[in-house]
Amino acid sequence: MNINDLLIFRTVVQTGSFSKAAAELNYTQSNISMKIQNLEAMYQTTFFYRGHRGIRLTPKGEQFYEVVLKMLHLYEKSFEILQDTEENRGLLRIGSMETTAALHLPTLLTTFHKAYDQVDITILTSPSQQNIERLENYELDGAFVNGPVYKENILAKEFVYEELVVITSSKHKRIDSQRDLENSTFITFPHGCSYRAIWEHWLREDGVQPQKRMEFGTLDGIIGCVAAGLGVTLLPRAIAQKYMDTQSLSMHILATKQAQIPTWFIYRNDEVQSPALKYFLETIDAYKYPSI
């Protein structure tokens, strides 16, 4: 077994088929199948159920996949850890909610880049739940999520607190409670968004039923539709303040709800931590919430 065998195994799992893995890695499908069979023979177990509907991991395959992810992560990070750290080089893959990316990352990344301009950063925006899953699967080095997150293998650092408010078009009637939202169209991020989960919990508490829902994958899409009067949304107060100069928006505070929500930066509890991540954690510690 070598690193390439582990890369093939990971790709098969992530693509869900031998043929897709072969296409992605530029191998023949028979070669991919042979590599997997060799791994199964070496460990004397079966990693995949094979059937007419495709493949899926066996329980042993699921356990091996977790080990493979960690092994490949350590392999990739070993080059970064053993290089000359005085040059402050490295690569970071950071996940973020759309709102955090819009409000805080421009200032945070500017500060970080000035101090560590040799570190390359990739930012991936997704809802909190997806960011947590990506972190656990070693696809990210860290992520900004709404927390706290209670998992043994994850560490969390408090970043900022956001006040959640209802945002409507400027022509919308005054909103004092959830009851005033009865029969409204609710515009949210897709499932997995923590703001959406909080809002849905509040609605269930008050027995309020949305008339309909609209989902958008981008913050600009949500704000544009709200400003056009298509519906209402729940987002951080700073988002409303950021957009109110250019969009016809109003914000409404729900005094009956605990709307102060923490944003956390989470990262794995790895035995070895890359220098680039250590630099990033230091920048987070020094971050000052910008005035909007």
Protein backbone atom coordinates (compact mmCIF):
# COMPACT_ATOMS: atom_id res chain seq x y z
CA MET A 1 0.00 0.00 0.00
CA ASN A 2 1.16 3.53 -0.74
CA ILE A 3 -0.22 7.06 -0.52
CA ASN A 4 -1.65 6.79 -4.02
CA ASP A 5 -3.75 3.79 -2.95
CA LEU A 6 -5.23 5.89 -0.14
CA LEU A 7 -5.94 8.75 -2.52
CA ILE A 8 -7.79 6.32 -4.81
CA PHE A 9 -9.82 4.95 -1.90
CA ARG A 10 -10.78 8.47 -0.75
CA THR A 11 -11.80 9.49 -4.26
CA VAL A 12 -13.97 6.39 -4.72
CA VAL A 13 -15.79 7.15 -1.47
CA GLN A 14 -16.23 10.85 -2.22
CA THR A 15 -17.41 10.36 -5.82
CA GLY A 16 -19.57 7.35 -4.98
CA SER A 17 -18.44 5.14 -7.84
CA PHE A 18 -15.42 3.49 -9.41
CA SER A 19 -16.14 5.03 -12.81
CA LYS A 20 -16.35 8.61 -11.46
CA ALA A 21 -13.17 8.10 -9.46
CA ALA A 22 -11.42 6.78 -12.57
CA ALA A 23 -12.49 9.81 -14.58
CA GLU A 24 -11.39 12.24 -11.86
CA LEU A 25 -7.98 10.57 -11.39
CA ASN A 26 -7.42 9.79 -15.09
CA TYR A 27 -7.26 6.04 -14.53
CA THR A 28 -9.13 3.19 -16.16
CA GLN A 29 -12.07 1.82 -14.18
CA SER A 30 -10.44 -1.63 -14.11
CA ASN A 31 -7.33 -0.13 -12.56
CA ILE A 32 -9.38 1.54 -9.83
CA SER A 33 -11.24 -1.71 -9.13
CA MET A 34 -7.97 -3.64 -8.91
CA LYS A 35 -6.49 -1.12 -6.44
CA ILE A 36 -9.53 -1.41 -4.18
CA GLN A 37 -9.48 -5.20 -4.40
CA ASN A 38 -5.80 -5.22 -3.45
CA LEU A 39 -6.54 -3.08 -0.39
CA GLU A 40 -9.36 -5.40 0.63
CA ALA A 41 -7.11 -8.42 0.17
CA MET A 42 -4.33 -6.87 2.23
CA TYR A 43 -6.69 -6.10 5.14
CA GLN A 44 -8.68 -9.31 4.57
CA THR A 45 -12.00 -7.49 4.66
CA THR A 46 -14.58 -5.92 2.35
CA PHE A 47 -14.74 -2.13 2.20
CA PHE A 48 -17.65 -1.74 -0.23
CA TYR A 49 -21.03 -3.30 -0.85
CA ARG A 50 -21.33 -3.69 -4.62
CA GLY A 51 -24.72 -3.88 -6.30
CA HIS A 52 -26.86 -2.78 -9.24
CA ARG A 53 -27.53 0.55 -7.52
CA GLY A 54 -23.83 1.31 -7.08
CA ILE A 55 -21.48 1.01 -4.13
CA ARG A 56 -21.61 1.94 -0.48
CA LEU A 57 -19.24 1.52 2.43
CA THR A 58 -19.44 -1.47 4.73
CA PRO A 59 -19.03 -0.81 8.49
CA LYS A 60 -15.34 -1.75 8.16
CA GLY A 61 -15.12 0.51 5.12
CA GLU A 62 -16.51 3.43 7.13
CA GLN A 63 -13.90 2.87 9.84
CA PHE A 64 -11.12 2.63 7.26
CA TYR A 65 -12.34 5.81 5.54
CA GLU A 66 -11.93 7.77 8.80
CA VAL A 67 -8.39 6.42 9.15
CA VAL A 68 -7.58 7.24 5.51
CA LEU A 69 -8.76 10.83 5.90
CA LYS A 70 -6.51 11.31 8.91
CA MET A 71 -3.53 9.61 7.26
CA LEU A 72 -3.81 11.75 4.13
CA HIS A 73 -4.25 14.88 6.22
CA LEU A 74 -1.07 14.13 8.20
CA TYR A 75 0.79 13.29 4.99
CA GLU A 76 -0.20 16.57 3.35
CA LYS A 77 0.54 18.61 6.49
CA SER A 78 3.94 16.97 7.06
CA PHE A 79 5.47 18.97 4.21
CA GLU A 80 4.15 22.22 5.67
CA ILE A 81 5.24 21.41 9.24
CA LEU A 82 8.79 20.38 8.28
CA GLN A 83 9.54 23.33 6.02
CA ASP A 84 11.34 26.44 7.23
CA THR A 85 8.66 28.05 9.40
CA GLU A 86 10.61 31.31 9.59
CA GLU A 87 9.23 32.11 6.15
CA ASN A 88 5.67 31.81 7.48
CA ARG A 89 4.54 29.69 4.54
CA GLY A 90 1.61 27.32 4.31
CA LEU A 91 -1.88 26.66 3.04
CA LEU A 92 -5.16 27.14 4.88
CA ARG A 93 -8.63 25.96 3.86
CA ILE A 94 -11.18 27.91 5.89
CA GLY A 95 -14.93 27.42 5.88
CA SER A 96 -17.30 30.26 6.66
CA MET A 97 -20.94 31.19 6.78
CA GLU A 98 -21.93 33.70 4.09
CA THR A 99 -22.72 36.33 6.72
CA THR A 100 -19.36 36.01 8.48
CA ALA A 101 -17.58 36.18 5.14
CA ALA A 102 -19.42 39.40 4.30
CA LEU A 103 -19.06 41.10 7.68
CA HIS A 104 -15.77 40.03 9.19
CA LEU A 105 -13.45 38.22 6.80
CA PRO A 106 -12.38 41.27 4.76
CA THR A 107 -10.90 42.93 7.88
CA LEU A 108 -9.61 39.68 9.40
CA LEU A 109 -7.93 38.44 6.21
CA THR A 110 -6.38 41.84 5.49
CA THR A 111 -4.73 41.79 8.91
CA PHE A 112 -3.61 38.19 8.47
CA HIS A 113 -2.20 38.76 4.99
CA LYS A 114 -0.12 41.73 6.12
CA ALA A 115 1.61 39.58 8.73
CA TYR A 116 1.74 36.26 6.85
CA ASP A 117 1.67 37.05 3.15
CA GLN A 118 3.33 33.72 2.25
CA VAL A 119 0.33 31.72 3.53
CA ASP A 120 -2.22 30.87 0.84
CA ILE A 121 -5.86 30.83 1.97
CA THR A 122 -8.91 29.25 0.35
CA ILE A 123 -12.31 30.36 1.69
CA LEU A 124 -15.32 28.07 1.20
CA THR A 125 -18.74 29.44 2.18
CA SER A 126 -21.36 26.97 3.40
CA PRO A 127 -23.97 26.67 6.15
CA SER A 128 -22.65 25.80 9.61
CA GLN A 129 -23.59 22.11 9.52
CA GLN A 130 -21.83 21.57 6.21
CA ASN A 131 -18.74 23.38 7.51
CA ILE A 132 -18.66 21.09 10.56
CA GLU A 133 -18.91 17.99 8.36
CA ARG A 134 -16.16 19.25 6.04
CA LEU A 135 -13.91 19.91 9.01
CA GLU A 136 -14.46 16.41 10.38
CA ASN A 137 -13.70 14.97 6.93
CA TYR A 138 -10.38 16.87 6.77
CA GLU A 139 -11.58 19.01 3.88
CA LEU A 140 -11.07 22.16 5.98
CA ASP A 141 -8.47 23.31 8.49
CA GLY A 142 -10.99 25.42 10.38
CA ALA A 143 -14.41 27.03 10.02
CA PHE A 144 -16.59 29.86 11.30
CA VAL A 145 -19.91 28.47 12.54
CA ASN A 146 -22.69 29.32 14.95
CA GLY A 147 -21.99 27.42 18.12
CA PRO A 148 -21.00 26.19 20.43
CA VAL A 149 -20.12 22.83 18.86
CA TYR A 150 -19.93 19.90 21.27
CA LYS A 151 -17.71 17.26 19.69
CA GLU A 152 -14.74 15.48 21.25
CA ASN A 153 -12.50 15.90 18.24
CA ILE A 154 -13.23 19.62 17.70
CA LEU A 155 -11.88 22.66 19.53
CA ALA A 156 -13.76 25.97 19.46
CA LYS A 157 -12.66 29.58 19.88
CA GLU A 158 -15.26 32.28 20.47
CA PHE A 159 -15.12 34.86 17.68
CA VAL A 160 -18.00 37.37 17.84
CA TYR A 161 -21.61 37.67 18.99
CA GLU A 162 -24.30 38.66 16.49
CA GLU A 163 -27.75 40.09 17.24
CA LEU A 164 -30.38 38.47 15.03
CA VAL A 165 -33.15 40.68 13.63
CA VAL A 166 -36.00 40.24 11.17
CA ILE A 167 -35.24 42.03 7.91
CA THR A 168 -38.03 43.16 5.58
CA SER A 169 -38.56 45.62 2.76
CA SER A 170 -38.88 49.22 3.87
CA LYS A 171 -42.60 49.13 2.94
CA HIS A 172 -43.39 46.23 5.28
CA LYS A 173 -45.60 46.82 8.30
CA ARG A 174 -44.06 47.00 11.76
CA ILE A 175 -43.13 43.66 13.33
CA ASP A 176 -43.16 43.33 17.11
CA SER A 177 -43.54 39.57 17.50
CA GLN A 178 -43.52 36.37 15.51
CA ARG A 179 -47.31 36.54 15.25
CA ASP A 180 -46.89 39.55 12.94
CA LEU A 181 -45.10 37.19 10.53
CA GLU A 182 -48.10 34.89 10.07
CA ASN A 183 -48.68 34.17 6.35
CA SER A 184 -45.34 35.73 5.35
CA THR A 185 -42.93 34.14 2.89
CA PHE A 186 -39.73 33.15 4.69
CA ILE A 187 -36.51 33.58 2.72
CA THR A 188 -33.56 31.59 4.08
CA PHE A 189 -30.32 29.83 3.29
CA PRO A 190 -30.63 26.07 2.55
CA HIS A 191 -31.02 23.42 5.23
CA GLY A 192 -28.00 23.34 7.55
CA CYS A 193 -27.95 27.09 8.13
CA SER A 194 -27.91 27.79 11.87
CA TYR A 195 -29.89 31.05 11.53
CA ARG A 196 -32.61 29.11 9.73
CA ALA A 197 -32.62 26.43 12.44
CA ILE A 198 -32.92 29.08 15.17
CA TRP A 199 -35.76 30.80 13.35
CA GLU A 200 -37.64 27.57 12.74
CA HIS A 201 -37.32 26.77 16.45
CA TRP A 202 -38.73 30.18 17.36
CA LEU A 203 -41.62 29.74 14.93
CA ARG A 204 -42.53 26.33 16.38
CA GLU A 205 -42.41 27.80 19.90
CA ASP A 206 -44.93 30.50 18.92
CA GLY A 207 -47.06 28.29 16.69
CA VAL A 208 -46.44 30.41 13.59
CA GLN A 209 -46.73 28.78 10.16
CA PRO A 210 -44.93 30.31 7.15
CA GLN A 211 -47.07 30.81 4.07
CA LYS A 212 -44.23 29.55 1.91
CA ARG A 213 -40.44 29.31 1.88
CA MET A 214 -37.77 30.42 -0.56
CA GLU A 215 -34.18 29.19 -0.33
CA PHE A 216 -31.10 30.97 -1.66
CA GLY A 217 -27.46 29.98 -1.59
CA THR A 218 -26.12 33.54 -1.48
CA LEU A 219 -26.55 36.47 0.86
CA ASP A 220 -27.02 38.90 -2.02
CA GLY A 221 -29.86 36.76 -3.37
CA ILE A 222 -31.67 36.80 -0.01
CA ILE A 223 -31.22 40.54 0.53
CA GLY A 224 -32.30 41.39 -3.03
CA CYS A 225 -35.54 39.40 -2.75
CA VAL A 226 -36.34 40.81 0.70
CA ALA A 227 -35.79 44.37 -0.55
CA ALA A 228 -38.11 43.63 -3.47
CA GLY A 229 -40.86 42.68 -1.02
CA LEU A 230 -40.91 38.95 -1.84
CA GLY A 231 -40.58 37.91 1.80
CA VAL A 232 -38.79 38.31 5.12
CA THR A 233 -35.60 36.89 6.58
CA LEU A 234 -33.68 36.53 9.86
CA LEU A 235 -30.04 37.59 9.79
CA PRO A 236 -27.47 39.46 11.94
CA ARG A 237 -28.28 43.11 12.64
CA ALA A 238 -24.93 44.13 11.14
CA ILE A 239 -26.02 42.64 7.80
CA ALA A 240 -29.10 44.87 7.74
CA GLN A 241 -26.98 47.89 8.61
CA LYS A 242 -24.47 47.01 5.90
CA TYR A 243 -27.12 46.86 3.18
CA MET A 244 -29.57 49.56 4.27
CA ASP A 245 -27.68 52.34 2.49
CA THR A 246 -28.10 50.63 -0.87
CA GLN A 247 -31.28 48.57 -0.43
CA SER A 248 -34.84 49.44 0.65
CA LEU A 249 -34.77 47.51 3.92
CA SER A 250 -36.13 47.74 7.45
CA MET A 251 -35.05 45.73 10.47
CA HIS A 252 -37.27 44.62 13.33
CA ILE A 253 -36.07 43.49 16.77
CA LEU A 254 -37.90 40.58 18.38
CA ALA A 255 -37.73 41.64 22.01
CA THR A 256 -39.26 38.38 23.20
CA LYS A 257 -36.39 36.26 21.87
CA GLN A 258 -32.81 35.70 23.01
CA ALA A 259 -31.22 36.95 19.81
CA GLN A 260 -27.56 37.25 20.80
CA ILE A 261 -25.94 34.38 18.90
CA PRO A 262 -22.23 33.43 19.16
CA THR A 263 -20.05 32.77 16.14
CA TRP A 264 -17.20 30.36 16.82
CA PHE A 265 -14.07 29.36 14.96
CA ILE A 266 -13.70 25.60 15.14
CA TYR A 267 -10.74 23.38 14.31
CA ARG A 268 -9.78 19.77 14.88
CA ASN A 269 -8.09 18.61 18.06
CA ASP A 270 -5.12 17.27 16.09
CA GLU A 271 -1.93 16.07 17.74
CA VAL A 272 0.04 18.14 15.23
CA GLN A 273 -1.10 21.65 14.36
CA SER A 274 0.25 23.41 11.29
CA PRO A 275 2.12 26.72 11.72
CA ALA A 276 -0.32 28.42 9.31
CA LEU A 277 -3.28 27.51 11.52
CA LYS A 278 -1.44 28.75 14.60
CA TYR A 279 -0.87 32.09 12.85
CA PHE A 280 -4.56 32.27 11.96
CA LEU A 281 -5.65 31.57 15.54
CA GLU A 282 -3.40 34.41 16.73
CA THR A 283 -5.06 36.77 14.25
CA ILE A 284 -8.50 35.74 15.50
CA ASP A 285 -7.43 36.50 19.10
CA ALA A 286 -6.41 40.01 18.05
CA TYR A 287 -9.50 40.68 15.92
CA LYS A 288 -11.61 43.71 16.81
CA TYR A 289 -15.25 43.78 15.80
CA PRO A 290 -15.50 46.50 13.12
CA SER A 291 -18.09 49.22 13.51
CA ILE A 292 -20.65 49.15 10.70
